[in-house]
Amino acid sequence: MSSGVIFDVKRFAVHDGPGLRTTVFLKGCPLSCQGCHNPEGQRMGPELLFRPDRCTLCGDCVPACPHQAIVLSEDGLRVAWDLCKLEAACVEVCLPGALELVGEMKTVDEVVDLLEDDRIYFDESRGGVTFSGGEPFSQPDFLRELLHRCKHRELPVVLDTCGHVEPALFRELAPLAAHLLFDLKLMDEERHEAYTGIHNRWILENLRWASEEMGTGGNPGPKLTVRIPLIPGVNDDEENLEASARFLAGLKTLAPVDILPYHRLGVDKYDRMGREYGLGAVTPPSQDAVLLACRLLEDAGLRVSVRGEQHGDD
């Protein structure tokens, strides 16, 4: 039986697919997006988080660390991140929970048993399970067994993916889901690599394939929703939006597009992990910027929503 590393489980989620959902966040992602709101999901292994607001300055963690990675001074407690070896002795003695190890190994049975507990909510709301991350495809053996087990248990699955997946693996596993939430950030390869750290060729190839496979061969295939995180100064310019619109309008199946305006809700996580936030003081897009994005996509014949709400609805 496969095991994998998850970093969160969110019950009663309403923005990760239809109905009420239980979202399981798998660790690891091939992208390093500068504005990632789940930075604790980027790296594969467990990571230490420090929450200063919970710290009572008791100092118990200082002698517990064998690598002198925790320092208590008049200025408060700080973690010397370059010295931390993730042995978690500090976490074990931190009663207030200011030090936390994010990332827990789970078996497929443990995850599926947890999901079964929420089946009544799935049935009543036409919801189900969402595997997110990080990038769920980053743990292929774990994801493969989870998908097969959920299919056997008739638990509807949504896959939330950045799309940067080896194409053969994507074509094997994507059809096991009922719905794909597929992110599209930037069309220009150089700009994509500058923002995410990696090319977008697999992303575009997999998105084309997903579109072509929908409704063919007597199997309706997974539903497909394209999600565009709208980030000021990164991908909200007309050149990128028009290129995105042309690409999406040229797909075999016109997938609905959901615009996700940038937010700053995950910024504090970077401080907790000793990392620098890549987007600095970037603020959420204005309403005019969101409306412009909607118009450019709709002018290409695409059906557009904003955070799941159909554009133009009252």
C-alpha atoms as a PDB file:
ATOM      1  CA  MET A   1       0.000   0.000   0.000  1.00  0.00           C
ATOM      2  CA  SER A   2       1.270   3.450  -0.919  1.00  0.00           C
ATOM      3  CA  SER A   3       1.881   6.222   1.564  1.00  0.00           C
ATOM      4  CA  GLY A   4       2.259   9.923   0.946  1.00  0.00           C
ATOM      5  CA  VAL A   5       2.868  13.244   2.634  1.00  0.00           C
ATOM      6  CA  ILE A   6      -0.080  15.576   3.145  1.00  0.00           C
ATOM      7  CA  PHE A   7       0.034  18.990   4.788  1.00  0.00           C
ATOM      8  CA  ASP A   8      -3.627  19.792   5.345  1.00  0.00           C
ATOM      9  CA  VAL A   9      -7.174  18.499   5.096  1.00  0.00           C
ATOM     10  CA  LYS A  10      -9.943  21.043   4.640  1.00  0.00           C
ATOM     11  CA  ARG A  11     -13.478  19.855   5.287  1.00  0.00           C
ATOM     12  CA  PHE A  12     -16.621  21.566   3.960  1.00  0.00           C
ATOM     13  CA  ALA A  13     -14.660  23.340   1.220  1.00  0.00           C
ATOM     14  CA  VAL A  14     -16.887  25.220  -1.230  1.00  0.00           C
ATOM     15  CA  HIS A  15     -14.352  26.631  -3.723  1.00  0.00           C
ATOM     16  CA  ASP A  16     -12.571  23.423  -4.750  1.00  0.00           C
ATOM     17  CA  GLY A  17     -15.242  21.972  -7.015  1.00  0.00           C
ATOM     18  CA  PRO A  18     -19.009  21.396  -6.884  1.00  0.00           C
ATOM     19  CA  GLY A  19     -20.895  20.882  -3.624  1.00  0.00           C
ATOM     20  CA  LEU A  20     -19.318  20.389  -0.227  1.00  0.00           C
ATOM     21  CA  ARG A  21     -15.873  18.882  -0.527  1.00  0.00           C
ATOM     22  CA  THR A  22     -13.082  17.504   1.585  1.00  0.00           C
ATOM     23  CA  THR A  23      -9.835  18.811   0.134  1.00  0.00           C
ATOM     24  CA  VAL A  24      -6.665  16.830   0.772  1.00  0.00           C
ATOM     25  CA  PHE A  25      -3.468  18.813   0.203  1.00  0.00           C
ATOM     26  CA  LEU A  26      -0.503  16.742  -1.004  1.00  0.00           C
ATOM     27  CA  LYS A  27       3.017  18.056  -0.504  1.00  0.00           C
ATOM     28  CA  GLY A  28       5.406  18.801  -3.332  1.00  0.00           C
ATOM     29  CA  CYS A  29       5.139  20.984  -6.435  1.00  0.00           C
ATOM     30  CA  PRO A  30       7.360  21.382  -9.517  1.00  0.00           C
ATOM     31  CA  LEU A  31       6.525  25.100  -9.675  1.00  0.00           C
ATOM     32  CA  SER A  32       7.956  27.773  -7.398  1.00  0.00           C
ATOM     33  CA  CYS A  33       5.414  30.525  -7.984  1.00  0.00           C
ATOM     34  CA  GLN A  34       6.511  33.782  -6.399  1.00  0.00           C
ATOM     35  CA  GLY A  35       3.023  34.428  -5.033  1.00  0.00           C
ATOM     36  CA  CYS A  36       2.126  30.889  -3.956  1.00  0.00           C
ATOM     37  CA  HIS A  37      -0.435  31.025  -1.144  1.00  0.00           C
ATOM     38  CA  ASN A  38       0.510  27.531   0.051  1.00  0.00           C
ATOM     39  CA  PRO A  39       4.326  27.729   0.276  1.00  0.00           C
ATOM     40  CA  GLU A  40       4.277  24.935   2.857  1.00  0.00           C
ATOM     41  CA  GLY A  41       3.131  22.669   0.020  1.00  0.00           C
ATOM     42  CA  GLN A  42       5.995  23.353  -2.378  1.00  0.00           C
ATOM     43  CA  ARG A  43       8.683  21.088  -0.929  1.00  0.00           C
ATOM     44  CA  MET A  44       8.119  17.370  -0.585  1.00  0.00           C
ATOM     45  CA  GLY A  45       9.226  16.693   2.990  1.00  0.00           C
ATOM     46  CA  PRO A  46       8.057  17.997   6.371  1.00  0.00           C
ATOM     47  CA  GLU A  47       8.876  21.625   7.215  1.00  0.00           C
ATOM     48  CA  LEU A  48       9.020  23.702  10.372  1.00  0.00           C
ATOM     49  CA  LEU A  49       6.694  26.654  10.943  1.00  0.00           C
ATOM     50  CA  PHE A  50       7.126  29.195  13.721  1.00  0.00           C
ATOM     51  CA  ARG A  51       4.088  31.187  14.881  1.00  0.00           C
ATOM     52  CA  PRO A  52       5.350  34.104  17.028  1.00  0.00           C
ATOM     53  CA  ASP A  53       1.814  35.022  18.109  1.00  0.00           C
ATOM     54  CA  ARG A  54       1.566  31.709  19.991  1.00  0.00           C
ATOM     55  CA  CYS A  55       5.008  31.869  21.584  1.00  0.00           C
ATOM     56  CA  THR A  56       5.102  32.444  25.366  1.00  0.00           C
ATOM     57  CA  LEU A  57       8.923  32.827  25.410  1.00  0.00           C
ATOM     58  CA  CYS A  58       9.203  29.931  27.857  1.00  0.00           C
ATOM     59  CA  GLY A  59      12.472  28.881  26.206  1.00  0.00           C
ATOM     60  CA  ASP A  60      11.877  25.129  26.484  1.00  0.00           C
ATOM     61  CA  CYS A  61      12.621  24.689  22.795  1.00  0.00           C
ATOM     62  CA  VAL A  62      16.116  26.207  23.005  1.00  0.00           C
ATOM     63  CA  PRO A  63      17.894  23.323  24.811  1.00  0.00           C
ATOM     64  CA  ALA A  64      15.708  20.772  23.023  1.00  0.00           C
ATOM     65  CA  CYS A  65      17.291  21.564  19.651  1.00  0.00           C
ATOM     66  CA  PRO A  66      20.581  19.649  19.240  1.00  0.00           C
ATOM     67  CA  HIS A  67      21.705  22.015  16.467  1.00  0.00           C
ATOM     68  CA  GLN A  68      21.304  25.345  18.311  1.00  0.00           C
ATOM     69  CA  ALA A  69      18.826  26.451  15.657  1.00  0.00           C
ATOM     70  CA  ILE A  70      16.596  28.302  18.144  1.00  0.00           C
ATOM     71  CA  VAL A  71      17.750  31.479  19.846  1.00  0.00           C
ATOM     72  CA  LEU A  72      16.004  33.314  22.687  1.00  0.00           C
ATOM     73  CA  SER A  73      17.084  36.906  23.283  1.00  0.00           C
ATOM     74  CA  GLU A  74      15.691  40.232  24.472  1.00  0.00           C
ATOM     75  CA  ASP A  75      14.203  40.645  21.006  1.00  0.00           C
ATOM     76  CA  GLY A  76      12.249  37.413  21.329  1.00  0.00           C
ATOM     77  CA  LEU A  77      12.553  33.937  19.874  1.00  0.00           C
ATOM     78  CA  ARG A  78      13.925  33.324  16.410  1.00  0.00           C
ATOM     79  CA  VAL A  79      14.773  30.283  14.319  1.00  0.00           C
ATOM     80  CA  ALA A  80      18.137  30.038  12.582  1.00  0.00           C
ATOM     81  CA  TRP A  81      16.654  28.368   9.530  1.00  0.00           C
ATOM     82  CA  ASP A  82      20.009  27.440   8.013  1.00  0.00           C
ATOM     83  CA  LEU A  83      20.816  25.338  11.089  1.00  0.00           C
ATOM     84  CA  CYS A  84      17.462  23.543  11.371  1.00  0.00           C
ATOM     85  CA  LYS A  85      17.639  19.827  10.505  1.00  0.00           C
ATOM     86  CA  LEU A  86      13.902  19.155  11.010  1.00  0.00           C
ATOM     87  CA  GLU A  87      14.423  16.683  13.831  1.00  0.00           C
ATOM     88  CA  ALA A  88      11.350  18.213  15.527  1.00  0.00           C
ATOM     89  CA  ALA A  89      12.566  17.941  19.127  1.00  0.00           C
ATOM     90  CA  CYS A  90      11.536  21.574  19.540  1.00  0.00           C
ATOM     91  CA  VAL A  91       8.006  20.789  18.363  1.00  0.00           C
ATOM     92  CA  GLU A  92       7.616  18.025  20.932  1.00  0.00           C
ATOM     93  CA  VAL A  93       8.315  20.378  23.861  1.00  0.00           C
ATOM     94  CA  CYS A  94       6.368  23.388  22.534  1.00  0.00           C
ATOM     95  CA  LEU A  95       3.112  23.201  24.474  1.00  0.00           C
ATOM     96  CA  PRO A  96       1.593  26.438  23.048  1.00  0.00           C
ATOM     97  CA  GLY A  97       2.010  25.114  19.499  1.00  0.00           C
ATOM     98  CA  ALA A  98       4.193  27.982  18.313  1.00  0.00           C
ATOM     99  CA  LEU A  99       6.514  25.499  16.602  1.00  0.00           C
ATOM    100  CA  GLU A 100       4.785  23.171  14.186  1.00  0.00           C
ATOM    101  CA  LEU A 101       5.964  20.485  11.789  1.00  0.00           C
ATOM    102  CA  VAL A 102       3.957  20.657   8.567  1.00  0.00           C
ATOM    103  CA  GLY A 103       3.723  17.500   6.512  1.00  0.00           C
ATOM    104  CA  GLU A 104       2.484  14.149   7.767  1.00  0.00           C
ATOM    105  CA  MET A 105       2.898  10.699   6.288  1.00  0.00           C
ATOM    106  CA  LYS A 106      -0.450   8.985   5.656  1.00  0.00           C
ATOM    107  CA  THR A 107      -1.393   5.656   4.109  1.00  0.00           C
ATOM    108  CA  VAL A 108      -4.062   5.379   1.444  1.00  0.00           C
ATOM    109  CA  ASP A 109      -6.302   3.567   3.944  1.00  0.00           C
ATOM    110  CA  GLU A 110      -5.989   6.413   6.438  1.00  0.00           C
ATOM    111  CA  VAL A 111      -6.941   9.015   3.850  1.00  0.00           C
ATOM    112  CA  VAL A 112      -9.852   7.033   2.420  1.00  0.00           C
ATOM    113  CA  ASP A 113     -11.233   6.272   5.899  1.00  0.00           C
ATOM    114  CA  LEU A 114     -11.164   9.997   6.630  1.00  0.00           C
ATOM    115  CA  LEU A 115     -13.021  10.708   3.384  1.00  0.00           C
ATOM    116  CA  GLU A 116     -15.657   8.082   4.118  1.00  0.00           C
ATOM    117  CA  ASP A 117     -16.522   9.982   7.301  1.00  0.00           C
ATOM    118  CA  ASP A 118     -17.740  12.852   5.105  1.00  0.00           C
ATOM    119  CA  ARG A 119     -19.719  10.796   2.588  1.00  0.00           C
ATOM    120  CA  ILE A 120     -23.082  11.969   3.928  1.00  0.00           C
ATOM    121  CA  TYR A 121     -22.138  15.577   3.122  1.00  0.00           C
ATOM    122  CA  PHE A 122     -20.961  14.595  -0.349  1.00  0.00           C
ATOM    123  CA  ASP A 123     -24.211  12.775  -1.079  1.00  0.00           C
ATOM    124  CA  GLU A 124     -26.438  15.591   0.148  1.00  0.00           C
ATOM    125  CA  SER A 125     -24.568  18.368  -1.682  1.00  0.00           C
ATOM    126  CA  ARG A 126     -23.366  16.498  -4.789  1.00  0.00           C
ATOM    127  CA  GLY A 127     -19.858  17.157  -3.562  1.00  0.00           C
ATOM    128  CA  GLY A 128     -16.896  14.887  -3.075  1.00  0.00           C
ATOM    129  CA  VAL A 129     -13.138  14.781  -2.702  1.00  0.00           C
ATOM    130  CA  THR A 130     -10.572  17.234  -4.052  1.00  0.00           C
ATOM    131  CA  PHE A 131      -6.887  16.392  -4.242  1.00  0.00           C
ATOM    132  CA  SER A 132      -4.861  19.585  -4.257  1.00  0.00           C
ATOM    133  CA  GLY A 133      -1.456  20.737  -3.108  1.00  0.00           C
ATOM    134  CA  GLY A 134       1.220  21.570  -3.771  1.00  0.00           C
ATOM    135  CA  GLU A 135       0.676  19.526  -6.881  1.00  0.00           C
ATOM    136  CA  PRO A 136      -1.044  16.155  -6.354  1.00  0.00           C
ATOM    137  CA  PHE A 137       0.739  14.604  -9.351  1.00  0.00           C
ATOM    138  CA  SER A 138       4.049  15.162  -7.534  1.00  0.00           C
ATOM    139  CA  GLN A 139       3.309  11.981  -5.553  1.00  0.00           C
ATOM    140  CA  PRO A 140       2.208   9.746  -8.451  1.00  0.00           C
ATOM    141  CA  ASP A 141       2.116   6.353  -6.717  1.00  0.00           C
ATOM    142  CA  PHE A 142       0.163   7.747  -3.777  1.00  0.00           C
ATOM    143  CA  LEU A 143      -2.224   9.654  -6.048  1.00  0.00           C
ATOM    144  CA  ARG A 144      -2.730   6.671  -8.349  1.00  0.00           C
ATOM    145  CA  GLU A 145      -3.849   4.426  -5.500  1.00  0.00           C
ATOM    146  CA  LEU A 146      -6.022   7.156  -3.983  1.00  0.00           C
ATOM    147  CA  LEU A 147      -7.786   7.704  -7.304  1.00  0.00           C
ATOM    148  CA  HIS A 148      -8.422   4.007  -7.871  1.00  0.00           C
ATOM    149  CA  ARG A 149      -9.656   3.552  -4.314  1.00  0.00           C
ATOM    150  CA  CYS A 150     -11.990   6.560  -4.548  1.00  0.00           C
ATOM    151  CA  LYS A 151     -13.348   5.310  -7.860  1.00  0.00           C
ATOM    152  CA  HIS A 152     -14.015   1.893  -6.319  1.00  0.00           C
ATOM    153  CA  ARG A 153     -15.774   3.549  -3.365  1.00  0.00           C
ATOM    154  CA  GLU A 154     -17.753   5.842  -5.718  1.00  0.00           C
ATOM    155  CA  LEU A 155     -16.300   8.972  -4.159  1.00  0.00           C
ATOM    156  CA  PRO A 156     -16.327  11.713  -6.844  1.00  0.00           C
ATOM    157  CA  VAL A 157     -12.875  13.254  -7.251  1.00  0.00           C
ATOM    158  CA  VAL A 158     -11.725  16.675  -8.392  1.00  0.00           C
ATOM    159  CA  LEU A 159      -8.041  17.106  -9.263  1.00  0.00           C
ATOM    160  CA  ASP A 160      -6.654  20.602  -8.711  1.00  0.00           C
ATOM    161  CA  THR A 161      -3.516  20.778 -10.850  1.00  0.00           C
ATOM    162  CA  CYS A 162      -0.923  23.254 -12.076  1.00  0.00           C
ATOM    163  CA  GLY A 163      -0.671  21.075 -15.182  1.00  0.00           C
ATOM    164  CA  HIS A 164       3.112  20.645 -15.106  1.00  0.00           C
ATOM    165  CA  VAL A 165       2.983  16.854 -15.203  1.00  0.00           C
ATOM    166  CA  GLU A 166       4.857  14.398 -17.400  1.00  0.00           C
ATOM    167  CA  PRO A 167       2.277  13.902 -20.198  1.00  0.00           C
ATOM    168  CA  ALA A 168       2.152  10.093 -20.038  1.00  0.00           C
ATOM    169  CA  LEU A 169       1.425  10.248 -16.306  1.00  0.00           C
ATOM    170  CA  PHE A 170      -1.200  12.944 -16.813  1.00  0.00           C
ATOM    171  CA  ARG A 171      -2.970  10.872 -19.475  1.00  0.00           C
ATOM    172  CA  GLU A 172      -2.967   7.841 -17.188  1.00  0.00           C
ATOM    173  CA  LEU A 173      -4.350   9.474 -14.057  1.00  0.00           C
ATOM    174  CA  ALA A 174      -6.421  12.484 -15.131  1.00  0.00           C
ATOM    175  CA  PRO A 175      -9.289  10.362 -16.563  1.00  0.00           C
ATOM    176  CA  LEU A 176      -9.791   8.766 -13.128  1.00  0.00           C
ATOM    177  CA  ALA A 177     -11.134  12.086 -11.830  1.00  0.00           C
ATOM    178  CA  ALA A 178     -14.625  13.454 -12.392  1.00  0.00           C
ATOM    179  CA  HIS A 179     -13.433  17.045 -12.752  1.00  0.00           C
ATOM    180  CA  LEU A 180     -10.148  18.831 -13.434  1.00  0.00           C
ATOM    181  CA  LEU A 181      -9.375  22.290 -12.076  1.00  0.00           C
ATOM    182  CA  PHE A 182      -6.500  23.305 -14.332  1.00  0.00           C
ATOM    183  CA  ASP A 183      -4.420  26.425 -13.655  1.00  0.00           C
ATOM    184  CA  LEU A 184      -3.211  28.597 -16.529  1.00  0.00           C
ATOM    185  CA  LYS A 185      -0.911  31.405 -15.451  1.00  0.00           C
ATOM    186  CA  LEU A 186       1.177  32.689 -18.356  1.00  0.00           C
ATOM    187  CA  MET A 187       1.334  31.918 -22.066  1.00  0.00           C
ATOM    188  CA  ASP A 188       4.829  33.222 -22.845  1.00  0.00           C
ATOM    189  CA  GLU A 189       7.383  30.562 -21.904  1.00  0.00           C
ATOM    190  CA  GLU A 190      10.087  32.987 -20.746  1.00  0.00           C
ATOM    191  CA  ARG A 191       7.669  34.929 -18.551  1.00  0.00           C
ATOM    192  CA  HIS A 192       6.275  31.673 -17.182  1.00  0.00           C
ATOM    193  CA  GLU A 193       9.741  30.446 -16.272  1.00  0.00           C
ATOM    194  CA  ALA A 194      10.611  33.780 -14.641  1.00  0.00           C
ATOM    195  CA  TYR A 195       7.525  33.623 -12.395  1.00  0.00           C
ATOM    196  CA  THR A 196       7.283  29.882 -11.678  1.00  0.00           C
ATOM    197  CA  GLY A 197      10.861  28.699 -12.190  1.00  0.00           C
ATOM    198  CA  ILE A 198       9.922  26.253 -14.949  1.00  0.00           C
ATOM    199  CA  HIS A 199       8.662  26.084 -18.550  1.00  0.00           C
ATOM    200  CA  ASN A 200       4.986  25.824 -19.520  1.00  0.00           C
ATOM    201  CA  ARG A 201       5.260  23.318 -22.397  1.00  0.00           C
ATOM    202  CA  TRP A 202       3.815  20.374 -20.473  1.00  0.00           C
ATOM    203  CA  ILE A 203       1.061  22.596 -19.103  1.00  0.00           C
ATOM    204  CA  LEU A 204      -0.121  23.625 -22.552  1.00  0.00           C
ATOM    205  CA  GLU A 205       0.234  20.092 -23.937  1.00  0.00           C
ATOM    206  CA  ASN A 206      -1.765  18.568 -21.092  1.00  0.00           C
ATOM    207  CA  LEU A 207      -4.460  21.214 -21.349  1.00  0.00           C
ATOM    208  CA  ARG A 208      -4.845  20.531 -25.078  1.00  0.00           C
ATOM    209  CA  TRP A 209      -5.083  16.807 -24.409  1.00  0.00           C
ATOM    210  CA  ALA A 210      -7.649  17.232 -21.629  1.00  0.00           C
ATOM    211  CA  SER A 211      -9.791  19.311 -23.949  1.00  0.00           C
ATOM    212  CA  GLU A 212      -9.557  16.792 -26.778  1.00  0.00           C
ATOM    213  CA  GLU A 213     -10.445  13.833 -24.550  1.00  0.00           C
ATOM    214  CA  MET A 214     -13.639  15.305 -23.171  1.00  0.00           C
ATOM    215  CA  GLY A 215     -16.732  13.649 -24.597  1.00  0.00           C
ATOM    216  CA  THR A 216     -14.916  11.149 -26.826  1.00  0.00           C
ATOM    217  CA  GLY A 217     -14.980   7.385 -27.152  1.00  0.00           C
ATOM    218  CA  GLY A 218     -18.312   6.945 -25.378  1.00  0.00           C
ATOM    219  CA  ASN A 219     -16.713   8.133 -22.148  1.00  0.00           C
ATOM    220  CA  PRO A 220     -17.564  11.709 -21.185  1.00  0.00           C
ATOM    221  CA  GLY A 221     -14.201  12.053 -19.476  1.00  0.00           C
ATOM    222  CA  PRO A 222     -13.521  14.482 -16.684  1.00  0.00           C
ATOM    223  CA  LYS A 223     -15.127  17.882 -16.709  1.00  0.00           C
ATOM    224  CA  LEU A 224     -12.592  20.639 -17.216  1.00  0.00           C
ATOM    225  CA  THR A 225     -12.444  24.098 -15.663  1.00  0.00           C
ATOM    226  CA  VAL A 226      -9.531  26.391 -16.449  1.00  0.00           C
ATOM    227  CA  ARG A 227      -8.555  28.711 -13.620  1.00  0.00           C
ATOM    228  CA  ILE A 228      -6.564  31.879 -14.186  1.00  0.00           C
ATOM    229  CA  PRO A 229      -5.063  33.449 -11.056  1.00  0.00           C
ATOM    230  CA  LEU A 230      -5.090  37.166 -11.935  1.00  0.00           C
ATOM    231  CA  ILE A 231      -1.928  38.718 -10.502  1.00  0.00           C
ATOM    232  CA  PRO A 232      -1.148  42.432 -10.987  1.00  0.00           C
ATOM    233  CA  GLY A 233       2.139  42.972 -12.773  1.00  0.00           C
ATOM    234  CA  VAL A 234       2.523  39.267 -13.510  1.00  0.00           C
ATOM    235  CA  ASN A 235      -0.212  38.141 -15.907  1.00  0.00           C
ATOM    236  CA  ASP A 236      -2.931  40.820 -15.936  1.00  0.00           C
ATOM    237  CA  ASP A 237      -1.651  42.653 -19.018  1.00  0.00           C
ATOM    238  CA  GLU A 238      -3.682  42.610 -22.227  1.00  0.00           C
ATOM    239  CA  GLU A 239      -0.945  40.790 -24.149  1.00  0.00           C
ATOM    240  CA  ASN A 240      -1.043  37.759 -21.852  1.00  0.00           C
ATOM    241  CA  LEU A 241      -4.823  37.778 -21.437  1.00  0.00           C
ATOM    242  CA  GLU A 242      -5.402  37.973 -25.183  1.00  0.00           C
ATOM    243  CA  ALA A 243      -2.890  35.166 -25.777  1.00  0.00           C
ATOM    244  CA  SER A 244      -4.645  33.074 -23.111  1.00  0.00           C
ATOM    245  CA  ALA A 245      -8.017  33.787 -24.713  1.00  0.00           C
ATOM    246  CA  ARG A 246      -6.775  32.758 -28.174  1.00  0.00           C
ATOM    247  CA  PHE A 247      -5.282  29.547 -26.828  1.00  0.00           C
ATOM    248  CA  LEU A 248      -8.381  28.564 -24.863  1.00  0.00           C
ATOM    249  CA  ALA A 249     -10.751  29.495 -27.693  1.00  0.00           C
ATOM    250  CA  GLY A 250      -8.735  27.252 -30.002  1.00  0.00           C
ATOM    251  CA  LEU A 251      -9.157  24.143 -27.865  1.00  0.00           C
ATOM    252  CA  LYS A 252     -11.412  21.370 -29.101  1.00  0.00           C
ATOM    253  CA  THR A 253     -13.755  21.843 -26.147  1.00  0.00           C
ATOM    254  CA  LEU A 254     -14.395  25.351 -24.842  1.00  0.00           C
ATOM    255  CA  ALA A 255     -13.803  24.891 -21.137  1.00  0.00           C
ATOM    256  CA  PRO A 256     -15.300  27.406 -18.701  1.00  0.00           C
ATOM    257  CA  VAL A 257     -12.763  29.828 -17.265  1.00  0.00           C
ATOM    258  CA  ASP A 258     -12.701  30.884 -13.618  1.00  0.00           C
ATOM    259  CA  ILE A 259     -10.725  34.017 -12.764  1.00  0.00           C
ATOM    260  CA  LEU A 260      -9.147  33.960  -9.311  1.00  0.00           C
ATOM    261  CA  PRO A 261      -8.117  37.504  -8.305  1.00  0.00           C
ATOM    262  CA  TYR A 262      -4.821  37.619  -6.431  1.00  0.00           C
ATOM    263  CA  HIS A 263      -5.000  37.866  -2.636  1.00  0.00           C
ATOM    264  CA  ARG A 264      -2.433  38.188   0.155  1.00  0.00           C
ATOM    265  CA  LEU A 265      -3.870  35.626   2.577  1.00  0.00           C
ATOM    266  CA  GLY A 266      -0.779  33.406   2.531  1.00  0.00           C
ATOM    267  CA  VAL A 267       1.873  36.109   2.911  1.00  0.00           C
ATOM    268  CA  ASP A 268       2.403  35.559   6.654  1.00  0.00           C
ATOM    269  CA  LYS A 269       3.304  31.910   6.005  1.00  0.00           C
ATOM    270  CA  TYR A 270       6.577  33.005   4.434  1.00  0.00           C
ATOM    271  CA  ASP A 271       7.724  34.701   7.633  1.00  0.00           C
ATOM    272  CA  ARG A 272       6.740  31.610   9.615  1.00  0.00           C
ATOM    273  CA  MET A 273       8.978  29.494   7.367  1.00  0.00           C
ATOM    274  CA  GLY A 274      11.923  31.874   7.127  1.00  0.00           C
ATOM    275  CA  ARG A 275      11.337  32.603   3.449  1.00  0.00           C
ATOM    276  CA  GLU A 276      11.056  35.794   1.442  1.00  0.00           C
ATOM    277  CA  TYR A 277       7.742  36.518  -0.277  1.00  0.00           C
ATOM    278  CA  GLY A 278       8.389  36.947  -3.985  1.00  0.00           C
ATOM    279  CA  LEU A 279       5.668  39.479  -4.801  1.00  0.00           C
ATOM    280  CA  GLY A 280       6.574  42.056  -2.173  1.00  0.00           C
ATOM    281  CA  ALA A 281       3.825  44.642  -1.741  1.00  0.00           C
ATOM    282  CA  VAL A 282       1.687  43.616  -4.728  1.00  0.00           C
ATOM    283  CA  THR A 283      -1.976  44.298  -3.943  1.00  0.00           C
ATOM    284  CA  PRO A 284      -5.149  42.598  -5.229  1.00  0.00           C
ATOM    285  CA  PRO A 285      -6.335  43.656  -8.698  1.00  0.00           C
ATOM    286  CA  SER A 286      -8.859  46.455  -9.020  1.00  0.00           C
ATOM    287  CA  GLN A 287     -12.410  45.747 -10.104  1.00  0.00           C
ATOM    288  CA  ASP A 288     -11.610  47.387 -13.443  1.00  0.00           C
ATOM    289  CA  ALA A 289      -8.706  44.980 -13.968  1.00  0.00           C
ATOM    290  CA  VAL A 290     -10.934  41.991 -13.240  1.00  0.00           C
ATOM    291  CA  LEU A 291     -13.619  43.310 -15.593  1.00  0.00           C
ATOM    292  CA  LEU A 292     -11.036  43.812 -18.334  1.00  0.00           C
ATOM    293  CA  ALA A 293      -9.869  40.217 -17.971  1.00  0.00           C
ATOM    294  CA  CYS A 294     -13.464  39.007 -18.140  1.00  0.00           C
ATOM    295  CA  ARG A 295     -14.161  41.066 -21.257  1.00  0.00           C
ATOM    296  CA  LEU A 296     -11.066  39.892 -23.128  1.00  0.00           C
ATOM    297  CA  LEU A 297     -11.886  36.252 -22.419  1.00  0.00           C
ATOM    298  CA  GLU A 298     -15.587  36.624 -23.183  1.00  0.00           C
ATOM    299  CA  ASP A 299     -14.804  38.396 -26.460  1.00  0.00           C
ATOM    300  CA  ALA A 300     -13.099  35.154 -27.514  1.00  0.00           C
ATOM    301  CA  GLY A 301     -16.334  33.248 -26.886  1.00  0.00           C
ATOM    302  CA  LEU A 302     -15.391  31.835 -23.493  1.00  0.00           C
ATOM    303  CA  ARG A 303     -17.720  31.430 -20.527  1.00  0.00           C
ATOM    304  CA  VAL A 304     -16.175  33.277 -17.585  1.00  0.00           C
ATOM    305  CA  SER A 305     -16.712  33.259 -13.836  1.00  0.00           C
ATOM    306  CA  VAL A 306     -14.952  35.067 -11.000  1.00  0.00           C
ATOM    307  CA  ARG A 307     -14.222  32.949  -7.919  1.00  0.00           C
ATOM    308  CA  GLY A 308     -16.841  30.482  -9.132  1.00  0.00           C
ATOM    309  CA  GLU A 309     -19.581  33.090  -9.610  1.00  0.00           C
ATOM    310  CA  GLN A 310     -20.730  33.526 -13.190  1.00  0.00           C
ATOM    311  CA  HIS A 311     -19.602  36.897 -14.507  1.00  0.00           C
ATOM    312  CA  GLY A 312     -22.560  39.213 -14.946  1.00  0.00           C
ATOM    313  CA  ASP A 313     -24.754  37.440 -12.376  1.00  0.00           C
ATOM    314  CA  ASP A 314     -26.407  39.705  -9.840  1.00  0.00           C
END
